[in-house]
Amino acid sequence: RGFPIFALGVVFGQAYITTYEYAKYQCSHMNAFLQGLLPGALASIAGQSLSVPADVVTQRLQIQGMKNPSQKMDLQSATWKKKEGSFAGICRKIIKYDGISGFYRGYFYQPDE
């Protein structure tokens, strides 16, 4: 479960490479240190801003697959479980309970309160 979403990593890698090359071109007039630092930082932000939400959804799908993998259900329950266990169902659940920031859980440093 979650492999098709994980396979989107190709798209995220392309976002990283494209951002890096564009930023490298735009920073060509700067000193050597900034030519290396800025494109890498911007590319990492662009790539991970896409990949972290997909990783969160993938992890939730995988955890759901681990819970009662051999459980048998009647037709009505199976329909409900499929709806909640789908990519769209997981996304709705994250937005409902955590908002958009729920997709970036673990992306930012969160000190203990």
Protein backbone atom coordinates (compact mmCIF):
# COMPACT_ATOMS: atom_id res chain seq x y z
CA ARG A 1 0.00 0.00 0.00
CA GLY A 2 1.23 3.44 -0.81
CA PHE A 3 3.68 2.39 -3.52
CA PRO A 4 1.98 4.35 -6.34
CA ILE A 5 2.27 7.52 -4.27
CA PHE A 6 5.88 6.69 -3.42
CA ALA A 7 6.55 6.21 -7.14
CA LEU A 8 5.75 9.91 -7.61
CA GLY A 9 9.30 10.44 -6.36
CA VAL A 10 10.30 10.73 -10.00
CA VAL A 11 8.19 13.90 -10.26
CA PHE A 12 9.66 15.25 -7.03
CA GLY A 13 13.16 14.54 -8.28
CA GLN A 14 12.37 16.40 -11.47
CA ALA A 15 11.14 19.39 -9.45
CA TYR A 16 14.44 19.33 -7.54
CA ILE A 17 16.59 19.16 -10.69
CA THR A 18 14.59 21.81 -12.54
CA THR A 19 14.68 24.21 -9.59
CA TYR A 20 18.39 23.61 -9.07
CA GLU A 21 19.29 24.26 -12.70
CA TYR A 22 17.12 27.37 -12.91
CA ALA A 23 18.49 28.79 -9.64
CA LYS A 24 22.05 27.95 -10.70
CA TYR A 25 21.53 29.93 -13.90
CA GLN A 26 20.01 32.86 -11.98
CA CYS A 27 22.90 32.88 -9.46
CA SER A 28 25.66 32.77 -12.07
CA HIS A 29 26.62 36.38 -11.37
CA MET A 30 27.17 35.76 -7.62
CA ASN A 31 30.33 34.60 -5.86
CA ALA A 32 31.25 30.89 -5.86
CA PHE A 33 29.94 30.26 -2.34
CA LEU A 34 26.46 31.59 -3.09
CA GLN A 35 26.43 29.86 -6.49
CA GLY A 36 26.64 26.56 -4.62
CA LEU A 37 24.53 27.39 -1.58
CA LEU A 38 21.44 29.10 -2.97
CA PRO A 39 20.55 26.70 -5.80
CA GLY A 40 20.93 23.69 -3.52
CA ALA A 41 18.83 25.23 -0.77
CA LEU A 42 16.07 26.34 -3.13
CA ALA A 43 16.02 22.98 -4.90
CA SER A 44 15.77 21.13 -1.58
CA ILE A 45 12.87 23.30 -0.46
CA ALA A 46 11.05 22.78 -3.77
CA GLY A 47 11.59 19.03 -3.90
CA GLN A 48 10.79 18.32 -0.27
CA SER A 49 7.77 20.61 -0.23
CA LEU A 50 6.26 18.12 -2.67
CA SER A 51 7.69 14.87 -1.32
CA VAL A 52 6.96 15.29 2.40
CA PRO A 53 3.14 15.41 1.99
CA ALA A 54 3.30 12.33 -0.23
CA ASP A 55 5.44 10.54 2.37
CA VAL A 56 2.91 11.38 5.11
CA VAL A 57 0.05 9.93 3.05
CA THR A 58 2.13 6.87 2.09
CA GLN A 59 2.98 6.17 5.72
CA ARG A 60 -0.68 6.39 6.73
CA LEU A 61 -1.67 4.00 3.93
CA GLN A 62 1.04 1.55 4.98
CA ILE A 63 -0.02 1.70 8.63
CA GLN A 64 -3.63 1.04 7.64
CA GLY A 65 -2.47 -1.99 5.66
CA MET A 66 -0.75 -3.35 8.78
CA LYS A 67 -3.90 -3.08 10.90
CA ASN A 68 -5.99 -6.25 10.59
CA PRO A 69 -4.75 -7.30 7.14
CA SER A 70 -6.86 -10.46 7.17
CA GLN A 71 -10.01 -8.90 8.64
CA LYS A 72 -13.19 -9.87 6.80
CA MET A 73 -15.99 -7.35 6.45
CA ASP A 74 -19.45 -7.20 5.01
CA LEU A 75 -20.08 -5.25 1.82
CA GLN A 76 -21.16 -2.04 3.55
CA SER A 77 -18.10 -1.95 5.82
CA ALA A 78 -15.75 -2.77 2.97
CA THR A 79 -17.12 0.13 0.96
CA TRP A 80 -16.54 2.49 3.89
CA LYS A 81 -13.03 1.16 4.56
CA LYS A 82 -12.03 1.52 0.93
CA LYS A 83 -13.23 5.13 0.88
CA GLU A 84 -11.33 5.99 4.09
CA GLY A 85 -8.25 4.00 3.09
CA SER A 86 -7.84 5.62 -0.31
CA PHE A 87 -5.45 8.41 -1.16
CA ALA A 88 -8.30 10.93 -1.27
CA GLY A 89 -9.79 9.60 1.99
CA ILE A 90 -6.46 9.95 3.82
CA CYS A 91 -6.02 13.48 2.46
CA ARG A 92 -9.52 14.47 3.62
CA LYS A 93 -8.82 13.04 7.06
CA ILE A 94 -5.52 14.92 7.40
CA ILE A 95 -7.12 18.22 6.35
CA LYS A 96 -10.09 17.67 8.65
CA TYR A 97 -8.06 16.95 11.80
CA ASP A 98 -4.74 18.73 11.23
CA GLY A 99 -5.29 21.21 8.41
CA ILE A 100 -2.74 21.71 5.66
CA SER A 101 0.07 21.63 8.23
CA GLY A 102 -0.77 17.95 8.82
CA PHE A 103 0.87 17.15 5.49
CA TYR A 104 4.14 18.65 6.73
CA ARG A 105 4.34 16.82 10.03
CA GLY A 106 8.02 16.36 10.75
CA TYR A 107 9.10 18.87 8.07
CA PHE A 108 9.68 21.72 10.50
CA TYR A 109 11.38 21.67 13.88
CA GLN A 110 8.80 21.59 16.67
CA PRO A 111 10.28 22.06 20.15
CA ASP A 112 8.60 20.36 23.07
CA GLU A 113 5.97 22.51 24.68
